[in-house]
Amino acid sequence: GILPDAPRHVRRQRIDALLSASPTLAGEIDVTLQDLLGASEQSELALEDPQQRQRRILAAVRRLFAWQARRHPMLLVLDDLQWADPSSLTALSHVADLVNEVPLAMVGITRESARAQLAETLPLAELLDIQLAPLTPEESGHLVTLLLPQVRVPTGLQHSLVARSEGNPLLIEELVRMLLDRGVVHQTAAGWQVEARW
């Protein structure tokens, strides 16, 4: 992968290494990938018509994913799609229909509020939509117990965590982490303690 803060020469090396297995593909998409990933000093595509540039980028991304999936079956996992910008969703839609052509599977994770928009953007015939319900209060309480196994969590604190999280397991984890970071729950020589004022 290429980290967002990677220097230009590292980006260039990673792209060259990736495409070295296929000189044909490199000839087709190298310049576009270098431009897209900020690996070239001067954008050769900057003067190009914006719509033509976008078409070239979308085609390059699609070719790259198709080539990679043909070489090695690929599972593409995309989390927090509710935060995806329109251009990312457009690129994703160009890659999504590859699932019918190459060994590629995609898993998209999003909040309920973005499901309708994603269904319009990614009209896949073989879409499996799995909706996860919030945890029940009992399940939420059990998760708190699992996250703090050696702590006798006061009933009031546990009820507060359950109510605040509204059944969201990630939020429960974050709330427990906050309690630990702020020293509300801390370890002493006598064992784990919960501050009286939580």
Protein backbone atom coordinates (compact mmCIF):
# COMPACT_ATOMS: atom_id res chain seq x y z
CA GLY A 1 0.00 0.00 0.00
CA ILE A 2 0.84 3.66 -0.18
CA LEU A 3 0.41 5.77 2.92
CA PRO A 4 -1.09 9.26 2.49
CA ASP A 5 2.10 10.94 3.76
CA ALA A 6 4.51 8.79 1.73
CA PRO A 7 7.13 10.82 -0.16
CA ARG A 8 6.76 11.11 -3.92
CA HIS A 9 9.71 8.77 -4.65
CA VAL A 10 8.20 6.05 -2.42
CA ARG A 11 4.89 6.38 -4.22
CA ARG A 12 6.70 6.06 -7.54
CA GLN A 13 8.59 2.95 -6.35
CA ARG A 14 5.39 1.27 -5.13
CA ILE A 15 3.58 1.90 -8.41
CA ASP A 16 6.58 0.69 -10.44
CA ALA A 17 6.86 -2.46 -8.30
CA LEU A 18 3.15 -3.19 -8.66
CA LEU A 19 3.11 -2.75 -12.42
CA SER A 20 6.44 -4.47 -13.08
CA ALA A 21 4.62 -7.79 -13.52
CA SER A 22 2.75 -6.45 -16.54
CA PRO A 23 4.57 -4.10 -18.90
CA THR A 24 1.44 -3.94 -21.05
CA LEU A 25 -0.70 -2.74 -18.17
CA ALA A 26 2.04 -0.35 -17.07
CA GLY A 27 2.02 1.21 -20.54
CA GLU A 28 -1.75 1.67 -20.33
CA ILE A 29 -2.20 3.07 -16.82
CA ASP A 30 1.18 4.08 -15.33
CA VAL A 31 0.95 7.80 -16.13
CA THR A 32 -2.61 7.98 -14.83
CA LEU A 33 -1.76 6.18 -11.57
CA GLN A 34 1.31 8.35 -11.04
CA ASP A 35 -0.87 11.43 -11.46
CA LEU A 36 -3.71 10.10 -9.31
CA LEU A 37 -1.43 9.10 -6.43
CA GLY A 38 0.76 12.20 -6.55
CA ALA A 39 3.86 10.28 -7.59
CA SER A 40 4.83 12.48 -10.52
CA GLU A 41 6.46 15.88 -10.13
CA GLN A 42 4.34 17.43 -12.84
CA SER A 43 0.89 16.21 -13.68
CA GLU A 44 0.84 15.19 -17.31
CA LEU A 45 -2.94 15.12 -17.16
CA ALA A 46 -3.44 18.50 -15.47
CA LEU A 47 -4.03 20.31 -18.75
CA GLU A 48 -6.47 17.67 -19.96
CA ASP A 49 -10.20 18.33 -20.03
CA PRO A 50 -11.54 17.48 -16.50
CA GLN A 51 -14.15 15.04 -17.82
CA GLN A 52 -11.59 13.29 -20.01
CA ARG A 53 -9.20 13.13 -17.04
CA GLN A 54 -11.92 11.57 -14.86
CA ARG A 55 -12.73 8.97 -17.53
CA ARG A 56 -9.03 8.11 -17.82
CA ILE A 57 -8.71 7.73 -14.02
CA LEU A 58 -11.83 5.57 -13.75
CA ALA A 59 -10.65 3.32 -16.57
CA ALA A 60 -7.20 2.97 -14.97
CA VAL A 61 -8.63 2.07 -11.57
CA ARG A 62 -10.95 -0.48 -13.15
CA ARG A 63 -8.11 -2.03 -15.19
CA LEU A 64 -5.89 -2.23 -12.10
CA PHE A 65 -8.52 -4.01 -10.00
CA ALA A 66 -9.42 -6.38 -12.84
CA TRP A 67 -5.76 -7.26 -13.37
CA GLN A 68 -5.10 -7.78 -9.66
CA ALA A 69 -8.22 -9.95 -9.21
CA ARG A 70 -7.25 -12.12 -12.19
CA ARG A 71 -3.81 -12.68 -10.66
CA HIS A 72 -5.12 -13.36 -7.13
CA PRO A 73 -8.77 -13.62 -6.03
CA MET A 74 -9.57 -10.44 -4.16
CA LEU A 75 -11.86 -9.42 -1.32
CA LEU A 76 -12.32 -5.67 -1.18
CA VAL A 77 -13.64 -4.48 2.21
CA LEU A 78 -14.84 -0.88 2.40
CA ASP A 79 -15.83 0.46 5.81
CA ASP A 80 -17.66 3.69 6.68
CA LEU A 81 -19.02 4.17 3.17
CA GLN A 82 -21.40 6.79 4.54
CA TRP A 83 -18.39 9.15 4.49
CA ALA A 84 -17.41 8.42 0.87
CA ASP A 85 -17.39 11.47 -1.39
CA PRO A 86 -19.19 11.40 -4.77
CA SER A 87 -16.02 10.87 -6.81
CA SER A 88 -15.02 7.88 -4.67
CA LEU A 89 -18.49 6.38 -5.09
CA THR A 90 -18.23 6.90 -8.85
CA ALA A 91 -14.89 5.08 -8.89
CA LEU A 92 -16.36 2.33 -6.75
CA SER A 93 -19.27 1.89 -9.14
CA HIS A 94 -16.81 1.37 -12.00
CA VAL A 95 -15.06 -1.36 -10.03
CA ALA A 96 -18.21 -2.95 -8.58
CA ASP A 97 -19.46 -4.59 -11.74
CA LEU A 98 -16.16 -6.46 -12.05
CA VAL A 99 -17.59 -8.96 -9.55
CA ASN A 100 -19.35 -10.53 -12.54
CA GLU A 101 -16.14 -10.82 -14.59
CA VAL A 102 -13.24 -11.62 -12.26
CA PRO A 103 -12.75 -13.33 -8.87
CA LEU A 104 -13.58 -10.22 -6.87
CA ALA A 105 -15.96 -9.90 -3.94
CA MET A 106 -16.83 -6.64 -2.26
CA VAL A 107 -18.04 -5.97 1.26
CA GLY A 108 -19.36 -2.49 1.92
CA ILE A 109 -20.13 -1.38 5.44
CA THR A 110 -22.27 1.69 6.02
CA ARG A 111 -24.77 3.23 8.34
CA GLU A 112 -28.47 2.85 7.72
CA SER A 113 -28.74 6.48 6.60
CA ALA A 114 -26.53 5.88 3.53
CA ARG A 115 -27.98 2.56 2.33
CA ALA A 116 -30.42 4.04 -0.19
CA GLN A 117 -27.75 6.24 -1.80
CA LEU A 118 -25.34 3.32 -2.06
CA ALA A 119 -28.00 1.09 -3.60
CA GLU A 120 -28.49 3.72 -6.33
CA THR A 121 -24.76 4.21 -6.86
CA LEU A 122 -23.92 0.50 -6.87
CA PRO A 123 -26.78 -1.24 -8.70
CA LEU A 124 -25.56 -4.80 -8.30
CA ALA A 125 -27.81 -7.69 -9.26
CA GLU A 126 -26.15 -9.94 -6.70
CA LEU A 127 -26.29 -7.66 -3.70
CA LEU A 128 -26.63 -9.30 -0.32
CA ASP A 129 -27.93 -6.74 2.15
CA ILE A 130 -27.31 -7.67 5.77
CA GLN A 131 -28.75 -5.28 8.31
CA LEU A 132 -27.42 -5.42 11.83
CA ALA A 133 -29.77 -4.38 14.60
CA PRO A 134 -28.47 -2.54 17.65
CA LEU A 135 -27.48 -4.67 20.61
CA THR A 136 -30.22 -5.21 23.15
CA PRO A 137 -29.65 -3.69 26.61
CA GLU A 138 -28.73 -7.18 27.88
CA GLU A 139 -26.23 -7.72 25.06
CA SER A 140 -24.79 -4.25 25.64
CA GLY A 141 -24.38 -4.96 29.34
CA HIS A 142 -22.69 -8.26 28.54
CA LEU A 143 -20.26 -6.44 26.22
CA VAL A 144 -19.36 -4.02 29.03
CA THR A 145 -18.65 -7.04 31.25
CA LEU A 146 -16.48 -8.62 28.53
CA LEU A 147 -14.53 -5.38 28.05
CA LEU A 148 -13.93 -4.97 31.79
CA PRO A 149 -13.69 -8.60 32.95
CA GLN A 150 -11.89 -7.91 36.23
CA VAL A 151 -13.91 -4.85 37.19
CA ARG A 152 -17.03 -4.80 39.35
CA VAL A 153 -18.87 -2.19 37.32
CA PRO A 154 -21.51 -0.41 39.42
CA THR A 155 -25.02 -1.02 38.13
CA GLY A 156 -25.62 2.70 37.61
CA LEU A 157 -22.46 3.05 35.48
CA GLN A 158 -23.34 0.01 33.42
CA HIS A 159 -26.87 1.33 32.81
CA SER A 160 -25.40 4.69 31.82
CA LEU A 161 -23.03 3.08 29.29
CA VAL A 162 -25.84 0.98 27.84
CA ALA A 163 -28.19 3.96 27.54
CA ARG A 164 -25.57 6.28 26.01
CA SER A 165 -24.44 3.74 23.44
CA GLU A 166 -27.96 2.99 22.17
CA GLY A 167 -26.81 -0.54 21.32
CA ASN A 168 -23.82 0.51 19.21
CA PRO A 169 -20.94 -1.87 20.11
CA LEU A 170 -18.27 0.49 18.79
CA LEU A 171 -19.61 3.28 20.96
CA ILE A 172 -19.60 0.96 23.99
CA GLU A 173 -15.92 0.21 23.33
CA GLU A 174 -15.13 3.91 22.98
CA LEU A 175 -16.97 4.79 26.20
CA VAL A 176 -15.10 2.07 28.10
CA ARG A 177 -11.80 3.29 26.62
CA MET A 178 -12.68 6.83 27.71
CA LEU A 179 -13.32 5.60 31.28
CA LEU A 180 -9.93 3.91 31.30
CA ASP A 181 -8.12 6.90 29.71
CA ARG A 182 -9.63 9.33 32.22
CA GLY A 183 -8.78 7.10 35.15
CA VAL A 184 -12.41 6.56 36.15
CA VAL A 185 -11.62 2.85 35.95
CA HIS A 186 -8.05 2.15 37.05
CA GLN A 187 -5.88 -0.57 38.47
CA THR A 188 -4.55 -0.37 42.01
CA ALA A 189 -2.49 -2.74 44.13
CA ALA A 190 -5.77 -4.14 45.45
CA GLY A 191 -7.19 -4.68 41.94
CA TRP A 192 -9.41 -2.71 39.59
CA GLN A 193 -11.33 0.22 41.03
CA VAL A 194 -14.10 2.50 39.77
CA GLU A 195 -14.04 6.08 40.98
CA ALA A 196 -17.09 7.02 43.01
CA ARG A 197 -17.67 10.07 40.81
CA TRP A 198 -18.04 8.70 37.32
